[in-house]
């Protein structure tokens, strides 16, 4: 247990640092935050899942991450649209975007689950 936590800490830190350096070299500098977060954590998680649980478990994890990424893209588009609607209250816009994300994520999960491996 402690060995796995230490491995996660070291591997995650190294990958986050590498992605942050790549992001810092790009313009605009706000890319550093994007490159330092999700991709590096995903790579560390998949590496450890593959090492500890095997290929099939890592494949399931990667499919779940892809579903989450697609749902996030749709959520971001919904947020961009609600910002353009000037008379929409923030609370209604937030609920709309969250529900949109939930429908897409659950729908894709259900579609993948029924199709199978």
PDB file of N, CA and C in Angstrom:
ATOM      1  N   UNK A   1       0.829  -1.198   0.000  1.00  0.00           N
ATOM      2  CA  UNK A   1       0.000   0.000   0.000  1.00  0.00           C
ATOM      3  C   UNK A   1       0.869   1.257   0.000  1.00  0.00           C
ATOM      4  N   UNK A   2       1.814   1.343   0.921  1.00  0.00           N
ATOM      5  CA  UNK A   2       2.682   2.519   0.996  1.00  0.00           C
ATOM      6  C   UNK A   2       3.566   2.611  -0.240  1.00  0.00           C
ATOM      7  N   UNK A   3       3.980   1.450  -0.766  1.00  0.00           N
ATOM      8  CA  UNK A   3       4.790   1.441  -1.981  1.00  0.00           C
ATOM      9  C   UNK A   3       4.033   1.981  -3.177  1.00  0.00           C
ATOM     10  N   UNK A   4       2.745   1.640  -3.271  1.00  0.00           N
ATOM     11  CA  UNK A   4       1.925   2.144  -4.380  1.00  0.00           C
ATOM     12  C   UNK A   4       1.720   3.649  -4.262  1.00  0.00           C
ATOM     13  N   UNK A   5       1.492   4.121  -3.059  1.00  0.00           N
ATOM     14  CA  UNK A   5       1.313   5.560  -2.852  1.00  0.00           C
ATOM     15  C   UNK A   5       2.593   6.308  -3.204  1.00  0.00           C
ATOM     16  N   UNK A   6       3.724   5.762  -2.798  1.00  0.00           N
ATOM     17  CA  UNK A   6       5.008   6.380  -3.122  1.00  0.00           C
ATOM     18  C   UNK A   6       5.235   6.386  -4.631  1.00  0.00           C
ATOM     19  N   UNK A   7       4.898   5.284  -5.287  1.00  0.00           N
ATOM     20  CA  UNK A   7       5.037   5.213  -6.746  1.00  0.00           C
ATOM     21  C   UNK A   7       4.157   6.251  -7.429  1.00  0.00           C
ATOM     22  N   UNK A   8       2.922   6.366  -6.968  1.00  0.00           N
ATOM     23  CA  UNK A   8       2.014   7.377  -7.541  1.00  0.00           C
ATOM     24  C   UNK A   8       2.579   8.780  -7.358  1.00  0.00           C
ATOM     25  N   UNK A   9       3.102   9.047  -6.177  1.00  0.00           N
ATOM     26  CA  UNK A   9       3.656  10.360  -5.862  1.00  0.00           C
ATOM     27  C   UNK A   9       4.838  10.675  -6.780  1.00  0.00           C
ATOM     28  N   UNK A  10       5.770   9.746  -6.900  1.00  0.00           N
ATOM     29  CA  UNK A  10       6.976   9.984  -7.697  1.00  0.00           C
ATOM     30  C   UNK A  10       6.673  10.043  -9.192  1.00  0.00           C
ATOM     31  N   UNK A  11       5.911   9.075  -9.676  1.00  0.00           N
ATOM     32  CA  UNK A  11       5.581   9.048 -11.096  1.00  0.00           C
ATOM     33  C   UNK A  11       4.713  10.239 -11.480  1.00  0.00           C
ATOM     34  N   UNK A  12       3.706  10.509 -10.673  1.00  0.00           N
ATOM     35  CA  UNK A  12       2.830  11.650 -10.957  1.00  0.00           C
ATOM     36  C   UNK A  12       3.587  12.960 -10.935  1.00  0.00           C
ATOM     37  N   UNK A  13       4.448  13.145  -9.950  1.00  0.00           N
ATOM     38  CA  UNK A  13       5.229  14.387  -9.859  1.00  0.00           C
ATOM     39  C   UNK A  13       6.158  14.571 -11.042  1.00  0.00           C
ATOM     40  N   UNK A  14       6.801  13.483 -11.458  1.00  0.00           N
ATOM     41  CA  UNK A  14       7.719  13.567 -12.595  1.00  0.00           C
ATOM     42  C   UNK A  14       6.971  13.903 -13.877  1.00  0.00           C
ATOM     43  N   UNK A  15       5.833  13.262 -14.093  1.00  0.00           N
ATOM     44  CA  UNK A  15       5.083  13.516 -15.325  1.00  0.00           C
ATOM     45  C   UNK A  15       4.459  14.900 -15.312  1.00  0.00           C
ATOM     46  N   UNK A  16       3.929  15.337 -14.167  1.00  0.00           N
ATOM     47  CA  UNK A  16       3.376  16.689 -14.070  1.00  0.00           C
ATOM     48  C   UNK A  16       4.465  17.716 -14.346  1.00  0.00           C
ATOM     49  N   UNK A  17       5.651  17.512 -13.806  1.00  0.00           N
ATOM     50  CA  UNK A  17       6.757  18.446 -14.042  1.00  0.00           C
ATOM     51  C   UNK A  17       7.136  18.494 -15.519  1.00  0.00           C
ATOM     52  N   UNK A  18       7.191  17.337 -16.166  1.00  0.00           N
ATOM     53  CA  UNK A  18       7.542  17.304 -17.587  1.00  0.00           C
ATOM     54  C   UNK A  18       6.505  18.036 -18.429  1.00  0.00           C
ATOM     55  N   UNK A  19       5.221  17.779 -18.162  1.00  0.00           N
ATOM     56  CA  UNK A  19       4.176  18.462 -18.924  1.00  0.00           C
ATOM     57  C   UNK A  19       4.159  19.960 -18.629  1.00  0.00           C
ATOM     58  N   UNK A  20       4.475  20.357 -17.419  1.00  0.00           N
ATOM     59  CA  UNK A  20       4.524  21.780 -17.086  1.00  0.00           C
ATOM     60  C   UNK A  20       5.658  22.477 -17.830  1.00  0.00           C
ATOM     61  N   UNK A  21       6.778  21.802 -17.974  1.00  0.00           N
ATOM     62  CA  UNK A  21       7.885  22.392 -18.737  1.00  0.00           C
ATOM     63  C   UNK A  21       7.496  22.548 -20.202  1.00  0.00           C
ATOM     64  N   UNK A  22       6.810  21.557 -20.759  1.00  0.00           N
ATOM     65  CA  UNK A  22       6.343  21.668 -22.146  1.00  0.00           C
ATOM     66  C   UNK A  22       5.353  22.827 -22.272  1.00  0.00           C
ATOM     67  N   UNK A  23       4.414  22.907 -21.334  1.00  0.00           N
ATOM     68  CA  UNK A  23       3.430  23.987 -21.362  1.00  0.00           C
ATOM     69  C   UNK A  23       4.056  25.347 -21.192  1.00  0.00           C
ATOM     70  N   UNK A  24       5.089  25.442 -20.359  1.00  0.00           N
ATOM     71  CA  UNK A  24       5.770  26.722 -20.150  1.00  0.00           C
ATOM     72  C   UNK A  24       6.511  27.197 -21.377  1.00  0.00           C
ATOM     73  N   UNK A  25       6.919  26.276 -22.238  1.00  0.00           N
ATOM     74  CA  UNK A  25       7.633  26.645 -23.453  1.00  0.00           C
ATOM     75  C   UNK A  25       6.694  27.137 -24.542  1.00  0.00           C
ATOM     76  N   UNK A  26       5.410  26.829 -24.426  1.00  0.00           N
ATOM     77  CA  UNK A  26       4.437  27.230 -25.444  1.00  0.00           C
ATOM     78  C   UNK A  26       3.886  28.618 -25.169  1.00  0.00           C
ATOM     79  N   UNK A  27       3.320  29.209 -26.186  1.00  0.00           N
ATOM     80  CA  UNK A  27       2.670  30.510 -26.052  1.00  0.00           C
ATOM     81  C   UNK A  27       1.198  30.337 -26.342  1.00  0.00           C
ATOM     82  N   UNK A  28       0.275  30.889 -25.634  1.00  0.00           N
ATOM     83  CA  UNK A  28       0.418  31.706 -24.431  1.00  0.00           C
ATOM     84  C   UNK A  28       0.762  30.847 -23.213  1.00  0.00           C
ATOM     85  N   UNK A  29       1.272  31.470 -22.157  1.00  0.00           N
ATOM     86  CA  UNK A  29       1.706  30.731 -20.976  1.00  0.00           C
ATOM     87  C   UNK A  29       0.569  30.009 -20.238  1.00  0.00           C
ATOM     88  N   UNK A  30      -0.672  30.319 -20.545  1.00  0.00           N
ATOM     89  CA  UNK A  30      -1.785  29.647 -19.873  1.00  0.00           C
ATOM     90  C   UNK A  30      -1.855  28.169 -20.237  1.00  0.00           C
ATOM     91  N   UNK A  31      -1.163  27.761 -21.307  1.00  0.00           N
ATOM     92  CA  UNK A  31      -1.112  26.345 -21.655  1.00  0.00           C
ATOM     93  C   UNK A  31      -0.405  25.515 -20.592  1.00  0.00           C
ATOM     94  N   UNK A  32       0.429  26.153 -19.783  1.00  0.00           N
ATOM     95  CA  UNK A  32       1.157  25.410 -18.747  1.00  0.00           C
ATOM     96  C   UNK A  32       0.180  24.727 -17.794  1.00  0.00           C
ATOM     97  N   UNK A  33      -0.904  25.400 -17.453  1.00  0.00           N
ATOM     98  CA  UNK A  33      -1.898  24.801 -16.569  1.00  0.00           C
ATOM     99  C   UNK A  33      -2.617  23.635 -17.209  1.00  0.00           C
ATOM    100  N   UNK A  34      -2.910  23.765 -18.486  1.00  0.00           N
ATOM    101  CA  UNK A  34      -3.587  22.689 -19.201  1.00  0.00           C
ATOM    102  C   UNK A  34      -2.675  21.479 -19.313  1.00  0.00           C
ATOM    103  N   UNK A  35      -1.428  21.700 -19.687  1.00  0.00           N
ATOM    104  CA  UNK A  35      -0.499  20.597 -19.855  1.00  0.00           C
ATOM    105  C   UNK A  35      -0.050  20.018 -18.520  1.00  0.00           C
ATOM    106  N   UNK A  36      -0.120  20.793 -17.453  1.00  0.00           N
ATOM    107  CA  UNK A  36       0.349  20.312 -16.162  1.00  0.00           C
ATOM    108  C   UNK A  36      -0.668  19.495 -15.398  1.00  0.00           C
ATOM    109  N   UNK A  37      -1.896  19.474 -15.839  1.00  0.00           N
ATOM    110  CA  UNK A  37      -2.940  18.838 -15.035  1.00  0.00           C
ATOM    111  C   UNK A  37      -3.393  17.506 -15.620  1.00  0.00           C
ATOM    112  N   UNK A  38      -4.445  17.524 -16.373  1.00  0.00           N
ATOM    113  CA  UNK A  38      -5.126  16.294 -16.791  1.00  0.00           C
ATOM    114  C   UNK A  38      -4.264  15.308 -17.572  1.00  0.00           C
ATOM    115  N   UNK A  39      -3.530  15.715 -18.599  1.00  0.00           N
ATOM    116  CA  UNK A  39      -2.777  14.699 -19.353  1.00  0.00           C
ATOM    117  C   UNK A  39      -1.748  13.971 -18.492  1.00  0.00           C
ATOM    118  N   UNK A  40      -1.064  14.711 -17.648  1.00  0.00           N
ATOM    119  CA  UNK A  40      -0.021  14.080 -16.847  1.00  0.00           C
ATOM    120  C   UNK A  40      -0.609  13.151 -15.790  1.00  0.00           C
ATOM    121  N   UNK A  41      -1.704  13.544 -15.190  1.00  0.00           N
ATOM    122  CA  UNK A  41      -2.357  12.687 -14.197  1.00  0.00           C
ATOM    123  C   UNK A  41      -2.914  11.445 -14.883  1.00  0.00           C
ATOM    124  N   UNK A  42      -3.468  11.605 -16.071  1.00  0.00           N
ATOM    125  CA  UNK A  42      -4.012  10.458 -16.803  1.00  0.00           C
ATOM    126  C   UNK A  42      -2.911   9.464 -17.166  1.00  0.00           C
ATOM    127  N   UNK A  43      -1.787   9.965 -17.622  1.00  0.00           N
ATOM    128  CA  UNK A  43      -0.685   9.079 -17.984  1.00  0.00           C
ATOM    129  C   UNK A  43      -0.158   8.338 -16.755  1.00  0.00           C
ATOM    130  N   UNK A  44      -0.016   9.051 -15.654  1.00  0.00           N
ATOM    131  CA  UNK A  44       0.458   8.399 -14.425  1.00  0.00           C
ATOM    132  C   UNK A  44      -0.542   7.341 -13.959  1.00  0.00           C
ATOM    133  N   UNK A  45      -1.809   7.672 -13.991  1.00  0.00           N
ATOM    134  CA  UNK A  45      -2.839   6.724 -13.562  1.00  0.00           C
ATOM    135  C   UNK A  45      -2.862   5.486 -14.448  1.00  0.00           C
ATOM    136  N   UNK A  46      -2.806   5.686 -15.758  1.00  0.00           N
ATOM    137  CA  UNK A  46      -2.814   4.540 -16.669  1.00  0.00           C
ATOM    138  C   UNK A  46      -1.553   3.694 -16.531  1.00  0.00           C
ATOM    139  N   UNK A  47      -0.422   4.327 -16.317  1.00  0.00           N
ATOM    140  CA  UNK A  47       0.823   3.581 -16.127  1.00  0.00           C
ATOM    141  C   UNK A  47       0.745   2.691 -14.895  1.00  0.00           C
ATOM    142  N   UNK A  48       0.263   3.251 -13.813  1.00  0.00           N
ATOM    143  CA  UNK A  48       0.151   2.468 -12.582  1.00  0.00           C
ATOM    144  C   UNK A  48      -0.934   1.397 -12.696  1.00  0.00           C
ATOM    145  N   UNK A  49      -2.028   1.710 -13.364  1.00  0.00           N
ATOM    146  CA  UNK A  49      -3.084   0.713 -13.548  1.00  0.00           C
ATOM    147  C   UNK A  49      -2.568  -0.456 -14.375  1.00  0.00           C
ATOM    148  N   UNK A  50      -1.800  -0.146 -15.410  1.00  0.00           N
ATOM    149  CA  UNK A  50      -1.233  -1.207 -16.244  1.00  0.00           C
ATOM    150  C   UNK A  50      -0.242  -2.049 -15.448  1.00  0.00           C
ATOM    151  N   UNK A  51       0.594  -1.389 -14.650  1.00  0.00           N
ATOM    152  CA  UNK A  51       1.620  -2.105 -13.889  1.00  0.00           C
ATOM    153  C   UNK A  51       1.022  -2.969 -12.779  1.00  0.00           C
ATOM    154  N   UNK A  52      -0.036  -2.488 -12.143  1.00  0.00           N
ATOM    155  CA  UNK A  52      -0.575  -3.215 -10.992  1.00  0.00           C
ATOM    156  C   UNK A  52      -1.744  -4.125 -11.338  1.00  0.00           C
ATOM    157  N   UNK A  53      -2.572  -3.727 -12.290  1.00  0.00           N
ATOM    158  CA  UNK A  53      -3.801  -4.485 -12.570  1.00  0.00           C
ATOM    159  C   UNK A  53      -3.798  -5.203 -13.914  1.00  0.00           C
ATOM    160  N   UNK A  54      -2.938  -4.788 -14.824  1.00  0.00           N
ATOM    161  CA  UNK A  54      -2.867  -5.454 -16.115  1.00  0.00           C
ATOM    162  C   UNK A  54      -3.493  -4.660 -17.248  1.00  0.00           C
ATOM    163  N   UNK A  55      -3.362  -5.233 -18.434  1.00  0.00           N
ATOM    164  CA  UNK A  55      -3.777  -4.553 -19.660  1.00  0.00           C
ATOM    165  C   UNK A  55      -5.279  -4.321 -19.747  1.00  0.00           C
ATOM    166  N   UNK A  56      -6.081  -5.294 -19.381  1.00  0.00           N
ATOM    167  CA  UNK A  56      -7.530  -5.145 -19.537  1.00  0.00           C
ATOM    168  C   UNK A  56      -8.078  -4.061 -18.613  1.00  0.00           C
ATOM    169  N   UNK A  57      -7.553  -3.986 -17.407  1.00  0.00           N
ATOM    170  CA  UNK A  57      -7.998  -2.949 -16.475  1.00  0.00           C
ATOM    171  C   UNK A  57      -7.591  -1.563 -16.977  1.00  0.00           C
ATOM    172  N   UNK A  58      -6.366  -1.454 -17.486  1.00  0.00           N
ATOM    173  CA  UNK A  58      -5.909  -0.168 -18.023  1.00  0.00           C
ATOM    174  C   UNK A  58      -6.736   0.243 -19.241  1.00  0.00           C
ATOM    175  N   UNK A  59      -7.176  -0.728 -20.040  1.00  0.00           N
ATOM    176  CA  UNK A  59      -8.020  -0.423 -21.197  1.00  0.00           C
ATOM    177  C   UNK A  59      -9.358   0.143 -20.755  1.00  0.00           C
ATOM    178  N   UNK A  60      -9.939  -0.438 -19.713  1.00  0.00           N
ATOM    179  CA  UNK A  60     -11.210   0.075 -19.183  1.00  0.00           C
ATOM    180  C   UNK A  60     -11.022   1.490 -18.644  1.00  0.00           C
ATOM    181  N   UNK A  61      -9.913   1.706 -17.935  1.00  0.00           N
ATOM    182  CA  UNK A  61      -9.623   3.042 -17.400  1.00  0.00           C
ATOM    183  C   UNK A  61      -9.466   4.062 -18.530  1.00  0.00           C
ATOM    184  N   UNK A  62      -8.780   3.673 -19.594  1.00  0.00           N
ATOM    185  CA  UNK A  62      -8.575   4.625 -20.694  1.00  0.00           C
ATOM    186  C   UNK A  62      -9.878   4.927 -21.423  1.00  0.00           C
ATOM    187  N   UNK A  63     -10.745   3.925 -21.570  1.00  0.00           N
ATOM    188  CA  UNK A  63     -12.061   4.181 -22.172  1.00  0.00           C
ATOM    189  C   UNK A  63     -12.866   5.148 -21.319  1.00  0.00           C
ATOM    190  N   UNK A  64     -12.801   4.971 -20.021  1.00  0.00           N
ATOM    191  CA  UNK A  64     -13.515   5.871 -19.118  1.00  0.00           C
ATOM    192  C   UNK A  64     -12.986   7.291 -19.226  1.00  0.00           C
ATOM    193  N   UNK A  65     -11.678   7.430 -19.362  1.00  0.00           N
ATOM    194  CA  UNK A  65     -11.079   8.760 -19.519  1.00  0.00           C
ATOM    195  C   UNK A  65     -11.509   9.407 -20.831  1.00  0.00           C
ATOM    196  N   UNK A  66     -11.616   8.618 -21.888  1.00  0.00           N
ATOM    197  CA  UNK A  66     -12.056   9.168 -23.173  1.00  0.00           C
ATOM    198  C   UNK A  66     -13.512   9.617 -23.106  1.00  0.00           C
ATOM    199  N   UNK A  67     -14.334   8.843 -22.430  1.00  0.00           N
ATOM    200  CA  UNK A  67     -15.734   9.247 -22.250  1.00  0.00           C
ATOM    201  C   UNK A  67     -15.798  10.562 -21.487  1.00  0.00           C
ATOM    202  N   UNK A  68     -15.008  10.661 -20.431  1.00  0.00           N
ATOM    203  CA  UNK A  68     -14.976  11.900 -19.656  1.00  0.00           C
ATOM    204  C   UNK A  68     -14.487  13.082 -20.479  1.00  0.00           C
ATOM    205  N   UNK A  69     -13.522  12.853 -21.360  1.00  0.00           N
ATOM    206  CA  UNK A  69     -12.999  13.925 -22.209  1.00  0.00           C
ATOM    207  C   UNK A  69     -14.051  14.419 -23.197  1.00  0.00           C
ATOM    208  N   UNK A  70     -14.781  13.485 -23.810  1.00  0.00           N
ATOM    209  CA  UNK A  70     -15.841  13.877 -24.751  1.00  0.00           C
ATOM    210  C   UNK A  70     -16.930  14.653 -24.009  1.00  0.00           C
ATOM    211  N   UNK A  71     -17.305  14.166 -22.836  1.00  0.00           N
ATOM    212  CA  UNK A  71     -18.324  14.871 -22.052  1.00  0.00           C
ATOM    213  C   UNK A  71     -17.835  16.260 -21.652  1.00  0.00           C
ATOM    214  N   UNK A  72     -16.547  16.397 -21.349  1.00  0.00           N
ATOM    215  CA  UNK A  72     -15.996  17.707 -20.997  1.00  0.00           C
ATOM    216  C   UNK A  72     -16.028  18.661 -22.186  1.00  0.00           C
ATOM    217  N   UNK A  73     -15.757  18.155 -23.384  1.00  0.00           N
ATOM    218  CA  UNK A  73     -15.822  18.999 -24.583  1.00  0.00           C
ATOM    219  C   UNK A  73     -17.247  19.507 -24.795  1.00  0.00           C
ATOM    220  N   UNK A  74     -18.219  18.619 -24.657  1.00  0.00           N
ATOM    221  CA  UNK A  74     -19.622  19.026 -24.814  1.00  0.00           C
ATOM    222  C   UNK A  74     -20.013  20.018 -23.711  1.00  0.00           C
ATOM    223  N   UNK A  75     -19.566  19.757 -22.489  1.00  0.00           N
ATOM    224  CA  UNK A  75     -19.824  20.671 -21.367  1.00  0.00           C
ATOM    225  C   UNK A  75     -19.234  22.050 -21.661  1.00  0.00           C
ATOM    226  N   UNK A  76     -18.009  22.080 -22.175  1.00  0.00           N
ATOM    227  CA  UNK A  76     -17.360  23.357 -22.493  1.00  0.00           C
ATOM    228  C   UNK A  76     -18.116  24.108 -23.582  1.00  0.00           C
ATOM    229  N   UNK A  77     -18.596  23.379 -24.579  1.00  0.00           N
ATOM    230  CA  UNK A  77     -19.395  24.016 -25.635  1.00  0.00           C
ATOM    231  C   UNK A  77     -20.697  24.566 -25.070  1.00  0.00           C
ATOM    232  N   UNK A  78     -21.314  23.815 -24.157  1.00  0.00           N
ATOM    233  CA  UNK A  78     -22.549  24.290 -23.521  1.00  0.00           C
ATOM    234  C   UNK A  78     -22.275  25.544 -22.695  1.00  0.00           C
ATOM    235  N   UNK A  79     -21.147  25.569 -22.000  1.00  0.00           N
ATOM    236  CA  UNK A  79     -20.780  26.767 -21.220  1.00  0.00           C
ATOM    237  C   UNK A  79     -20.559  27.970 -22.131  1.00  0.00           C
ATOM    238  N   UNK A  80     -19.876  27.741 -23.245  1.00  0.00           N
ATOM    239  CA  UNK A  80     -19.644  28.836 -24.194  1.00  0.00           C
ATOM    240  C   UNK A  80     -20.961  29.364 -24.746  1.00  0.00           C
ATOM    241  N   UNK A  81     -21.887  28.464 -25.013  1.00  0.00           N
ATOM    242  CA  UNK A  81     -23.190  28.897 -25.524  1.00  0.00           C
ATOM    243  C   UNK A  81     -23.962  29.679 -24.466  1.00  0.00           C
ATOM    244  N   UNK A  82     -23.976  29.194 -23.222  1.00  0.00           N
ATOM    245  CA  UNK A  82     -24.752  29.881 -22.179  1.00  0.00           C
ATOM    246  C   UNK A  82     -24.179  31.255 -21.858  1.00  0.00           C
ATOM    247  N   UNK A  83     -22.879  31.429 -22.032  1.00  0.00           N
ATOM    248  CA  UNK A  83     -22.277  32.748 -21.811  1.00  0.00           C
ATOM    249  C   UNK A  83     -22.782  33.729 -22.863  1.00  0.00           C
ATOM    250  N   UNK A  84     -23.041  33.224 -24.067  1.00  0.00           N
ATOM    251  CA  UNK A  84     -23.510  34.112 -25.136  1.00  0.00           C
ATOM    252  C   UNK A  84     -24.975  34.520 -24.953  1.00  0.00           C
ATOM    253  N   UNK A  85     -25.726  33.766 -24.167  1.00  0.00           N
ATOM    254  CA  UNK A  85     -27.117  34.110 -23.882  1.00  0.00           C
ATOM    255  C   UNK A  85     -27.114  35.066 -22.695  1.00  0.00           C
ATOM    256  N   UNK A  86     -27.284  36.341 -22.957  1.00  0.00           N
ATOM    257  CA  UNK A  86     -27.076  37.372 -21.944  1.00  0.00           C
ATOM    258  C   UNK A  86     -28.132  37.378 -20.840  1.00  0.00           C
ATOM    259  N   UNK A  87     -29.306  36.934 -21.114  1.00  0.00           N
ATOM    260  CA  UNK A  87     -30.378  37.022 -20.115  1.00  0.00           C
ATOM    261  C   UNK A  87     -30.532  35.760 -19.269  1.00  0.00           C
ATOM    262  N   UNK A  88     -29.693  34.779 -19.497  1.00  0.00           N
ATOM    263  CA  UNK A  88     -29.808  33.536 -18.739  1.00  0.00           C
ATOM    264  C   UNK A  88     -29.131  33.700 -17.376  1.00  0.00           C
ATOM    265  N   UNK A  89     -29.868  33.455 -16.289  1.00  0.00           N
ATOM    266  CA  UNK A  89     -29.247  33.535 -14.961  1.00  0.00           C
ATOM    267  C   UNK A  89     -28.128  32.493 -14.808  1.00  0.00           C
ATOM    268  N   UNK A  90     -27.124  32.836 -14.032  1.00  0.00           N
ATOM    269  CA  UNK A  90     -25.961  31.972 -13.867  1.00  0.00           C
ATOM    270  C   UNK A  90     -26.346  30.616 -13.293  1.00  0.00           C
ATOM    271  N   UNK A  91     -27.254  30.595 -12.328  1.00  0.00           N
ATOM    272  CA  UNK A  91     -27.633  29.317 -11.712  1.00  0.00           C
ATOM    273  C   UNK A  91     -28.297  28.388 -12.723  1.00  0.00           C
ATOM    274  N   UNK A  92     -29.142  28.928 -13.582  1.00  0.00           N
ATOM    275  CA  UNK A  92     -29.793  28.112 -14.605  1.00  0.00           C
ATOM    276  C   UNK A  92     -28.765  27.637 -15.634  1.00  0.00           C
ATOM    277  N   UNK A  93     -27.846  28.519 -16.012  1.00  0.00           N
ATOM    278  CA  UNK A  93     -26.802  28.138 -16.966  1.00  0.00           C
ATOM    279  C   UNK A  93     -25.921  27.026 -16.399  1.00  0.00           C
ATOM    280  N   UNK A  94     -25.566  27.131 -15.127  1.00  0.00           N
ATOM    281  CA  UNK A  94     -24.719  26.110 -14.504  1.00  0.00           C
ATOM    282  C   UNK A  94     -25.434  24.765 -14.453  1.00  0.00           C
ATOM    283  N   UNK A  95     -26.687  24.768 -14.056  1.00  0.00           N
ATOM    284  CA  UNK A  95     -27.443  23.520 -14.000  1.00  0.00           C
ATOM    285  C   UNK A  95     -27.594  22.925 -15.395  1.00  0.00           C
ATOM    286  N   UNK A  96     -27.865  23.756 -16.380  1.00  0.00           N
ATOM    287  CA  UNK A  96     -27.976  23.286 -17.762  1.00  0.00           C
ATOM    288  C   UNK A  96     -26.690  22.607 -18.216  1.00  0.00           C
ATOM    289  N   UNK A  97     -25.555  23.241 -17.936  1.00  0.00           N
ATOM    290  CA  UNK A  97     -24.263  22.678 -18.354  1.00  0.00           C
ATOM    291  C   UNK A  97     -23.953  21.386 -17.609  1.00  0.00           C
ATOM    292  N   UNK A  98     -24.226  21.328 -16.322  1.00  0.00           N
ATOM    293  CA  UNK A  98     -23.979  20.109 -15.547  1.00  0.00           C
ATOM    294  C   UNK A  98     -24.842  18.954 -16.052  1.00  0.00           C
ATOM    295  N   UNK A  99     -26.114  19.248 -16.309  1.00  0.00           N
ATOM    296  CA  UNK A  99     -27.014  18.211 -16.806  1.00  0.00           C
ATOM    297  C   UNK A  99     -26.563  17.741 -18.189  1.00  0.00           C
ATOM    298  N   UNK A 100     -26.110  18.672 -19.011  1.00  0.00           N
ATOM    299  CA  UNK A 100     -25.593  18.315 -20.330  1.00  0.00           C
ATOM    300  C   UNK A 100     -24.413  17.362 -20.195  1.00  0.00           C
ATOM    301  N   UNK A 101     -23.466  17.701 -19.305  1.00  0.00           N
ATOM    302  CA  UNK A 101     -22.317  16.827 -19.077  1.00  0.00           C
ATOM    303  C   UNK A 101     -22.763  15.448 -18.602  1.00  0.00           C
ATOM    304  N   UNK A 102     -23.690  15.426 -17.655  1.00  0.00           N
ATOM    305  CA  UNK A 102     -24.156  14.162 -17.091  1.00  0.00           C
ATOM    306  C   UNK A 102     -24.823  13.283 -18.147  1.00  0.00           C
ATOM    307  N   UNK A 103     -25.656  13.875 -18.981  1.00  0.00           N
ATOM    308  CA  UNK A 103     -26.345  13.119 -20.027  1.00  0.00           C
ATOM    309  C   UNK A 103     -25.344  12.533 -21.019  1.00  0.00           C
ATOM    310  N   UNK A 104     -24.376  13.343 -21.441  1.00  0.00           N
ATOM    311  CA  UNK A 104     -23.383  12.863 -22.401  1.00  0.00           C
ATOM    312  C   UNK A 104     -22.515  11.770 -21.772  1.00  0.00           C
ATOM    313  N   UNK A 105     -22.019  12.007 -20.567  1.00  0.00           N
ATOM    314  CA  UNK A 105     -21.145  11.026 -19.917  1.00  0.00           C
ATOM    315  C   UNK A 105     -21.891   9.713 -19.662  1.00  0.00           C
ATOM    316  N   UNK A 106     -23.083   9.799 -19.122  1.00  0.00           N
ATOM    317  CA  UNK A 106     -23.850   8.588 -18.830  1.00  0.00           C
ATOM    318  C   UNK A 106     -24.271   7.885 -20.121  1.00  0.00           C
ATOM    319  N   UNK A 107     -24.673   8.663 -21.118  1.00  0.00           N
ATOM    320  CA  UNK A 107     -25.076   8.072 -22.396  1.00  0.00           C
ATOM    321  C   UNK A 107     -23.932   7.333 -23.071  1.00  0.00           C
ATOM    322  N   UNK A 108     -22.750   7.940 -23.091  1.00  0.00           N
ATOM    323  CA  UNK A 108     -21.600   7.263 -23.674  1.00  0.00           C
ATOM    324  C   UNK A 108     -21.200   6.032 -22.870  1.00  0.00           C
ATOM    325  N   UNK A 109     -21.242   6.153 -21.554  1.00  0.00           N
ATOM    326  CA  UNK A 109     -20.917   5.014 -20.700  1.00  0.00           C
ATOM    327  C   UNK A 109     -21.887   3.859 -20.966  1.00  0.00           C
ATOM    328  N   UNK A 110     -23.160   4.191 -21.063  1.00  0.00           N
ATOM    329  CA  UNK A 110     -24.175   3.174 -21.317  1.00  0.00           C
ATOM    330  C   UNK A 110     -23.984   2.543 -22.703  1.00  0.00           C
ATOM    331  N   UNK A 111     -23.654   3.373 -23.694  1.00  0.00           N
ATOM    332  CA  UNK A 111     -23.436   2.865 -25.046  1.00  0.00           C
ATOM    333  C   UNK A 111     -22.233   1.928 -25.089  1.00  0.00           C
ATOM    334  N   UNK A 112     -21.151   2.302 -24.437  1.00  0.00           N
ATOM    335  CA  UNK A 112     -19.948   1.464 -24.405  1.00  0.00           C
ATOM    336  C   UNK A 112     -20.234   0.172 -23.634  1.00  0.00           C
ATOM    337  N   UNK A 113     -20.979   0.294 -22.569  1.00  0.00           N
ATOM    338  CA  UNK A 113     -21.280  -0.868 -21.710  1.00  0.00           C
ATOM    339  C   UNK A 113     -22.148  -1.889 -22.434  1.00  0.00           C
ATOM    340  N   UNK A 114     -23.105  -1.425 -23.220  1.00  0.00           N
ATOM    341  CA  UNK A 114     -23.987  -2.350 -23.917  1.00  0.00           C
ATOM    342  C   UNK A 114     -23.305  -2.986 -25.130  1.00  0.00           C
ATOM    343  N   UNK A 115     -22.366  -2.256 -25.746  1.00  0.00           N
ATOM    344  CA  UNK A 115     -21.654  -2.796 -26.900  1.00  0.00           C
ATOM    345  C   UNK A 115     -20.669  -3.866 -26.446  1.00  0.00           C
ATOM    346  N   UNK A 116     -20.009  -3.616 -25.323  1.00  0.00           N
ATOM    347  CA  UNK A 116     -19.061  -4.591 -24.803  1.00  0.00           C
ATOM    348  C   UNK A 116     -17.654  -4.333 -25.293  1.00  0.00           C
ATOM    349  N   UNK A 117     -16.715  -5.230 -24.938  1.00  0.00           N
ATOM    350  CA  UNK A 117     -15.304  -5.029 -25.293  1.00  0.00           C
ATOM    351  C   UNK A 117     -14.996  -5.199 -26.731  1.00  0.00           C
TER     352      UNK A 117
END
